[in-house]
């Protein structure tokens, strides 16, 4: 790995999405190399890219269709911005009643609660109300109203361990969820996108394709090899300079996720307001030693996604970071 280098020229790069990663590649058809097929869609609040390597165009397109369908299915089930999603319906009923949910949402919620227990609440899938309160768009500088409301919410929810108010179970043969109080609003932004990438990759594999890559913003999974037969080379964007890379990773049958404070953010009264919240303080997480992005590698993208969210803001040398890394089967690949 290198500490920092300039991003390759466009003809040498297959730029996947607008998020944290670029993937080095030659053009889609070159010499004796196999053919790569690409599909790009907006989904889950980002741009997702799917690439499969196959000489069978019909099979490749079927695999891309299946991958896109999975990304959209997970978005429809787990977005907190959709009133008709499992998450939207559960949040609307929080504090009042049990809501039936899909097996997929129950699966992700159970894993999210496992991560919450493992991290003693550092990862909390019930920060929906806080996420709304800290949305940078609320702080337009025109009045103190939003800041005043946010201060009240912070005072009420700091250290509340809201995940303990969420129960996922079974009733009458179906999966159900119930939040004991309204404040425990589900927000799966730190885990659902990784799960969606995993499901997209699984859909590609089910059609017999063994070489592919799926990238959704800061969540990426690579299987097999690129069209030249080597591992997929993934560049991590420099948070200080979008035209440069801070690191590169060679991936084969691995997943990677990046959390950072530099995209969804605003500077308000000299303070950086971003979307990565610390449940213990109910405020945007301070960063360790000037770190603005953290990249995690794991065997699956859901794990990498949750780990990047949980570990962001911790210095790798701390005892807490060491405990979380040792117990989760992940590794820190890059910090910038």
Protein backbone atom coordinates (compact mmCIF):
# COMPACT_ATOMS: atom_id res chain seq x y z
CA UNK A 1 0.00 0.00 0.00
CA UNK A 2 1.03 3.58 -0.50
CA UNK A 3 0.29 6.48 1.77
CA UNK A 4 -1.06 8.75 -0.94
CA UNK A 5 -0.96 9.04 -4.70
CA UNK A 6 -2.73 10.80 -7.52
CA UNK A 7 -5.77 9.06 -8.98
CA UNK A 8 -5.07 7.20 -12.25
CA UNK A 9 -6.09 8.72 -15.56
CA UNK A 10 -9.69 8.15 -16.69
CA UNK A 11 -8.72 5.68 -19.40
CA UNK A 12 -7.04 3.52 -16.73
CA UNK A 13 -9.92 3.61 -14.25
CA UNK A 14 -13.36 2.11 -14.10
CA UNK A 15 -14.91 4.73 -11.80
CA UNK A 16 -17.62 2.95 -9.85
CA UNK A 17 -20.13 5.36 -8.31
CA UNK A 18 -19.65 8.73 -6.75
CA UNK A 19 -18.72 7.55 -3.27
CA UNK A 20 -15.63 6.36 -1.48
CA UNK A 21 -14.11 4.02 -4.07
CA UNK A 22 -12.77 3.79 -7.59
CA UNK A 23 -11.86 0.48 -9.19
CA UNK A 24 -8.80 0.26 -11.41
CA UNK A 25 -9.42 -1.50 -14.71
CA UNK A 26 -8.70 -1.39 -18.41
CA UNK A 27 -11.51 -0.52 -20.84
CA UNK A 28 -14.37 -3.03 -20.99
CA UNK A 29 -13.12 -4.75 -24.13
CA UNK A 30 -9.37 -4.89 -24.70
CA UNK A 31 -7.13 -7.49 -26.26
CA UNK A 32 -7.59 -10.99 -24.86
CA UNK A 33 -9.23 -9.85 -21.68
CA UNK A 34 -12.72 -11.04 -20.85
CA UNK A 35 -15.63 -8.70 -21.29
CA UNK A 36 -17.05 -6.67 -18.41
CA UNK A 37 -20.67 -5.50 -18.34
CA UNK A 38 -21.84 -2.59 -16.20
CA UNK A 39 -25.09 -1.24 -14.77
CA UNK A 40 -25.39 2.04 -12.82
CA UNK A 41 -28.48 3.11 -10.86
CA UNK A 42 -29.46 5.58 -8.14
CA UNK A 43 -30.54 3.67 -5.02
CA UNK A 44 -30.36 3.93 -1.24
CA UNK A 45 -29.35 7.57 -1.39
CA UNK A 46 -26.27 6.96 -3.54
CA UNK A 47 -25.14 5.75 -6.96
CA UNK A 48 -24.73 1.99 -7.16
CA UNK A 49 -22.61 0.26 -9.78
CA UNK A 50 -22.65 -3.42 -10.67
CA UNK A 51 -20.06 -4.99 -12.95
CA UNK A 52 -19.97 -8.63 -14.04
CA UNK A 53 -17.30 -10.32 -16.13
CA UNK A 54 -18.68 -12.74 -18.72
CA UNK A 55 -18.45 -13.46 -22.45
CA UNK A 56 -22.17 -14.30 -22.46
CA UNK A 57 -23.98 -10.97 -22.90
CA UNK A 58 -27.42 -12.40 -22.23
CA UNK A 59 -26.29 -14.05 -18.99
CA UNK A 60 -24.44 -10.91 -17.93
CA UNK A 61 -27.53 -8.76 -18.44
CA UNK A 62 -29.67 -11.23 -16.51
CA UNK A 63 -27.18 -11.11 -13.64
CA UNK A 64 -27.15 -7.32 -13.66
CA UNK A 65 -30.98 -7.26 -13.67
CA UNK A 66 -31.01 -9.58 -10.66
CA UNK A 67 -28.43 -7.51 -8.77
CA UNK A 68 -30.32 -4.27 -9.37
CA UNK A 69 -33.58 -5.90 -8.29
CA UNK A 70 -31.99 -6.93 -4.99
CA UNK A 71 -30.63 -3.44 -4.32
CA UNK A 72 -34.04 -1.92 -4.97
CA UNK A 73 -35.81 -4.59 -2.89
CA UNK A 74 -33.67 -3.89 0.16
CA UNK A 75 -34.16 -0.15 -0.30
CA UNK A 76 -37.94 -0.60 -0.47
CA UNK A 77 -37.91 -2.67 2.71
CA UNK A 78 -35.45 -0.80 4.90
CA UNK A 79 -35.41 2.89 3.99
CA UNK A 80 -36.47 5.13 6.86
CA UNK A 81 -37.48 7.73 4.29
CA UNK A 82 -40.32 5.60 2.89
CA UNK A 83 -43.57 5.46 4.85
CA UNK A 84 -44.45 2.11 3.24
CA UNK A 85 -41.16 0.36 4.07
CA UNK A 86 -40.82 -2.05 6.98
CA UNK A 87 -38.73 0.56 8.78
CA UNK A 88 -41.12 3.39 7.97
CA UNK A 89 -44.12 1.42 9.26
CA UNK A 90 -42.25 0.32 12.40
CA UNK A 91 -41.22 3.89 13.19
CA UNK A 92 -44.76 5.16 12.68
CA UNK A 93 -45.98 2.58 15.19
CA UNK A 94 -43.11 3.04 17.68
CA UNK A 95 -44.31 3.12 21.25
CA UNK A 96 -47.74 1.80 20.29
CA UNK A 97 -47.92 -1.54 18.52
CA UNK A 98 -46.23 -4.54 16.94
CA UNK A 99 -45.55 -4.39 13.18
CA UNK A 100 -45.10 -7.30 10.80
CA UNK A 101 -41.90 -7.17 8.77
CA UNK A 102 -40.18 -9.20 6.06
CA UNK A 103 -37.70 -11.97 6.92
CA UNK A 104 -34.94 -9.86 5.30
CA UNK A 105 -35.61 -6.87 7.54
CA UNK A 106 -35.80 -9.13 10.59
CA UNK A 107 -32.45 -10.67 9.61
CA UNK A 108 -30.76 -7.28 9.34
CA UNK A 109 -32.35 -5.98 12.54
CA UNK A 110 -31.14 -9.02 14.48
CA UNK A 111 -27.61 -8.51 13.20
CA UNK A 112 -27.85 -4.80 14.03
CA UNK A 113 -28.91 -5.61 17.58
CA UNK A 114 -26.05 -8.11 17.86
CA UNK A 115 -23.66 -5.33 16.85
CA UNK A 116 -25.26 -3.00 19.39
CA UNK A 117 -24.71 -5.55 22.17
CA UNK A 118 -21.18 -6.33 21.01
CA UNK A 119 -20.21 -2.66 21.00
CA UNK A 120 -22.11 -1.75 24.18
CA UNK A 121 -24.29 0.62 22.16
CA UNK A 122 -21.55 2.30 20.13
CA UNK A 123 -23.43 0.92 17.14
CA UNK A 124 -27.14 1.64 17.62
CA UNK A 125 -29.77 0.95 14.92
CA UNK A 126 -32.34 3.15 16.68
CA UNK A 127 -30.91 6.63 16.08
CA UNK A 128 -33.60 7.75 13.62
CA UNK A 129 -34.78 10.67 15.75
CA UNK A 130 -31.22 11.83 16.34
CA UNK A 131 -30.41 11.53 12.64
CA UNK A 132 -33.35 13.79 11.86
CA UNK A 133 -32.28 16.29 14.52
CA UNK A 134 -28.69 16.46 13.28
CA UNK A 135 -29.54 16.73 9.58
CA UNK A 136 -27.25 19.57 8.41
CA UNK A 137 -30.03 20.94 6.19
CA UNK A 138 -31.93 21.95 9.33
CA UNK A 139 -29.19 24.37 10.31
CA UNK A 140 -29.57 27.14 7.76
CA UNK A 141 -28.20 29.87 9.99
CA UNK A 142 -31.46 31.79 9.76
CA UNK A 143 -32.73 31.02 13.25
CA UNK A 144 -31.88 29.22 16.46
CA UNK A 145 -35.00 27.07 16.27
CA UNK A 146 -33.46 23.90 14.82
CA UNK A 147 -30.41 24.16 17.08
CA UNK A 148 -32.63 24.62 20.13
CA UNK A 149 -34.74 21.60 19.25
CA UNK A 150 -31.63 19.52 18.62
CA UNK A 151 -30.16 20.51 21.99
CA UNK A 152 -33.33 19.30 23.71
CA UNK A 153 -33.23 15.97 21.87
CA UNK A 154 -29.52 15.55 22.66
CA UNK A 155 -30.16 16.15 26.36
CA UNK A 156 -32.92 13.55 26.35
CA UNK A 157 -31.24 10.80 24.31
CA UNK A 158 -27.53 10.95 25.19
CA UNK A 159 -26.52 7.53 26.48
CA UNK A 160 -30.09 6.24 26.22
CA UNK A 161 -29.10 2.92 24.55
CA UNK A 162 -32.23 3.09 22.43
CA UNK A 163 -31.59 -0.30 20.87
CA UNK A 164 -32.66 -1.88 24.17
CA UNK A 165 -36.18 -0.61 23.48
CA UNK A 166 -36.40 -2.60 20.23
CA UNK A 167 -37.67 -6.18 20.11
CA UNK A 168 -37.58 -8.43 17.05
CA UNK A 169 -39.51 -11.67 17.29
CA UNK A 170 -42.12 -13.98 15.82
CA UNK A 171 -45.89 -13.83 16.08
CA UNK A 172 -48.46 -16.02 14.31
CA UNK A 173 -45.76 -17.45 12.07
CA UNK A 174 -44.28 -14.14 10.87
CA UNK A 175 -41.48 -11.79 11.83
CA UNK A 176 -42.48 -8.76 13.88
CA UNK A 177 -40.82 -5.75 15.47
CA UNK A 178 -41.85 -3.41 18.25
CA UNK A 179 -40.22 -0.30 19.66
CA UNK A 180 -41.17 0.23 23.30
CA UNK A 181 -41.05 4.00 22.93
CA UNK A 182 -41.34 6.53 20.16
CA UNK A 183 -37.76 7.75 20.53
CA UNK A 184 -36.40 4.36 19.42
CA UNK A 185 -36.82 5.04 15.71
CA UNK A 186 -35.03 2.55 13.48
CA UNK A 187 -32.26 3.81 11.20
CA UNK A 188 -30.40 1.05 9.36
CA UNK A 189 -28.10 3.45 7.51
CA UNK A 190 -25.05 1.80 9.08
CA UNK A 191 -25.80 -1.75 8.00
CA UNK A 192 -28.58 -2.10 5.38
CA UNK A 193 -26.53 -0.88 2.42
CA UNK A 194 -23.88 -3.49 3.17
CA UNK A 195 -26.59 -6.15 3.31
CA UNK A 196 -27.99 -4.92 -0.02
CA UNK A 197 -24.57 -5.26 -1.64
CA UNK A 198 -24.27 -8.81 -0.27
CA UNK A 199 -27.68 -9.71 -1.68
CA UNK A 200 -26.78 -8.23 -5.08
CA UNK A 201 -23.61 -10.31 -5.18
CA UNK A 202 -25.55 -13.42 -4.14
CA UNK A 203 -28.02 -12.83 -6.98
CA UNK A 204 -25.13 -12.64 -9.46
CA UNK A 205 -23.57 -15.83 -8.12
CA UNK A 206 -26.89 -17.69 -8.29
CA UNK A 207 -26.81 -17.25 -12.07
CA UNK A 208 -23.41 -18.88 -12.31
CA UNK A 209 -21.20 -15.80 -12.65
CA UNK A 210 -18.13 -15.95 -10.44
CA UNK A 211 -16.40 -12.63 -11.25
CA UNK A 212 -18.16 -9.41 -10.31
CA UNK A 213 -18.08 -6.28 -8.20
CA UNK A 214 -20.91 -4.29 -6.64
CA UNK A 215 -20.35 -0.83 -5.20
CA UNK A 216 -22.95 1.34 -3.47
CA UNK A 217 -21.28 4.52 -2.28
CA UNK A 218 -19.06 3.46 0.60
CA UNK A 219 -19.97 -0.24 0.51
CA UNK A 220 -18.37 -2.64 -1.96
CA UNK A 221 -18.05 -6.38 -2.49
CA UNK A 222 -15.74 -8.06 -5.00
CA UNK A 223 -15.89 -11.71 -6.03
CA UNK A 224 -13.51 -13.66 -8.23
CA UNK A 225 -11.27 -11.57 -10.42
CA UNK A 226 -11.40 -8.59 -12.74
CA UNK A 227 -11.48 -8.96 -16.52
CA UNK A 228 -7.69 -9.32 -16.71
CA UNK A 229 -7.75 -12.27 -14.27
CA UNK A 230 -6.15 -10.40 -11.35
CA UNK A 231 -7.73 -9.35 -8.08
CA UNK A 232 -9.97 -6.30 -8.19
CA UNK A 233 -7.87 -3.23 -7.37
CA UNK A 234 -9.92 -0.75 -5.36
CA UNK A 235 -8.76 2.80 -4.73
CA UNK A 236 -9.95 4.61 -1.59
CA UNK A 237 -10.74 8.25 -2.28
CA UNK A 238 -8.82 10.82 -0.26
CA UNK A 239 -11.34 12.69 1.95
CA UNK A 240 -9.23 15.83 1.62
CA UNK A 241 -8.97 15.68 -2.17
CA UNK A 242 -11.67 13.88 -4.23
CA UNK A 243 -9.35 13.79 -7.24
CA UNK A 244 -6.76 11.72 -5.35
CA UNK A 245 -6.60 8.34 -3.66
CA UNK A 246 -5.36 7.76 -0.13
CA UNK A 247 -4.83 4.03 -0.52
CA UNK A 248 -5.40 0.96 -2.72
CA UNK A 249 -6.66 -2.50 -1.85
CA UNK A 250 -6.51 -5.73 -3.86
CA UNK A 251 -9.72 -7.66 -3.22
CA UNK A 252 -10.88 -11.11 -4.20
CA UNK A 253 -13.97 -12.59 -2.49
CA UNK A 254 -13.95 -9.83 0.12
CA UNK A 255 -16.01 -6.81 1.03
CA UNK A 256 -15.01 -3.32 2.07
CA UNK A 257 -16.85 -0.38 3.63
CA UNK A 258 -15.81 3.19 4.38
CA UNK A 259 -17.27 5.57 6.94
CA UNK A 260 -16.34 9.24 6.80
CA UNK A 261 -17.32 12.66 8.05
CA UNK A 262 -16.64 14.52 4.81
CA UNK A 263 -19.65 13.95 2.52
CA UNK A 264 -22.88 14.43 4.52
CA UNK A 265 -21.69 17.34 6.60
CA UNK A 266 -21.78 21.06 7.28
CA UNK A 267 -19.77 23.47 9.43
CA UNK A 268 -22.09 25.26 11.87
CA UNK A 269 -20.67 27.88 14.24
CA UNK A 270 -17.21 26.42 13.74
CA UNK A 271 -18.31 22.83 14.49
CA UNK A 272 -18.40 19.98 11.96
CA UNK A 273 -21.91 18.51 11.82
CA UNK A 274 -21.99 15.10 10.14
CA UNK A 275 -24.16 11.97 10.04
CA UNK A 276 -21.99 9.61 12.10
CA UNK A 277 -23.40 10.01 15.58
CA UNK A 278 -22.07 8.81 18.92
CA UNK A 279 -25.00 7.28 20.83
CA UNK A 280 -23.26 7.97 24.13
CA UNK A 281 -23.21 11.73 23.58
CA UNK A 282 -26.03 11.99 20.98
CA UNK A 283 -23.69 14.25 18.98
CA UNK A 284 -21.61 13.88 15.81
CA UNK A 285 -18.67 11.63 16.61
CA UNK A 286 -15.31 13.36 17.10
CA UNK A 287 -12.50 11.87 15.02
CA UNK A 288 -9.26 10.38 16.29
CA UNK A 289 -6.02 12.11 15.32
CA UNK A 290 -7.57 14.00 12.41
CA UNK A 291 -8.99 10.86 10.75
CA UNK A 292 -11.82 11.69 8.34
CA UNK A 293 -12.42 8.25 6.83
CA UNK A 294 -12.05 4.68 7.99
CA UNK A 295 -12.05 1.68 5.66
CA UNK A 296 -12.83 -1.83 6.91
CA UNK A 297 -12.38 -5.15 5.09
CA UNK A 298 -14.47 -8.22 5.99
CA UNK A 299 -15.76 -11.40 4.43
CA UNK A 300 -19.19 -9.84 3.82
CA UNK A 301 -20.31 -6.28 3.25
CA UNK A 302 -22.92 -6.14 6.00
CA UNK A 303 -20.22 -6.87 8.57
CA UNK A 304 -17.82 -4.35 7.00
CA UNK A 305 -20.57 -1.71 6.96
CA UNK A 306 -21.50 -2.16 10.63
CA UNK A 307 -17.85 -2.32 11.72
CA UNK A 308 -16.91 0.86 9.84
CA UNK A 309 -19.81 2.65 11.52
CA UNK A 310 -18.95 1.33 14.98
CA UNK A 311 -15.20 1.92 14.77
CA UNK A 312 -15.23 5.37 13.15
CA UNK A 313 -13.82 7.92 15.56
CA UNK A 314 -11.74 5.39 17.52
CA UNK A 315 -7.98 5.25 17.24
CA UNK A 316 -6.97 1.68 16.29
CA UNK A 317 -4.49 1.59 19.19
CA UNK A 318 -7.16 2.03 21.86
CA UNK A 319 -8.26 -0.94 23.93
CA UNK A 320 -11.86 -0.43 22.82
CA UNK A 321 -10.95 -0.56 19.13
CA UNK A 322 -8.81 -3.64 19.71
CA UNK A 323 -11.66 -5.42 21.47
CA UNK A 324 -14.15 -4.63 18.71
CA UNK A 325 -11.76 -5.69 15.95
CA UNK A 326 -10.78 -8.94 17.71
CA UNK A 327 -14.36 -9.95 18.21
CA UNK A 328 -15.77 -9.19 14.78
CA UNK A 329 -13.50 -10.82 12.21
CA UNK A 330 -12.68 -7.54 10.45
CA UNK A 331 -9.53 -5.58 9.78
CA UNK A 332 -8.81 -1.89 9.39
CA UNK A 333 -7.52 -1.46 5.85
CA UNK A 334 -7.10 2.30 5.64
CA UNK A 335 -7.41 5.53 7.62
CA UNK A 336 -7.23 9.00 6.10
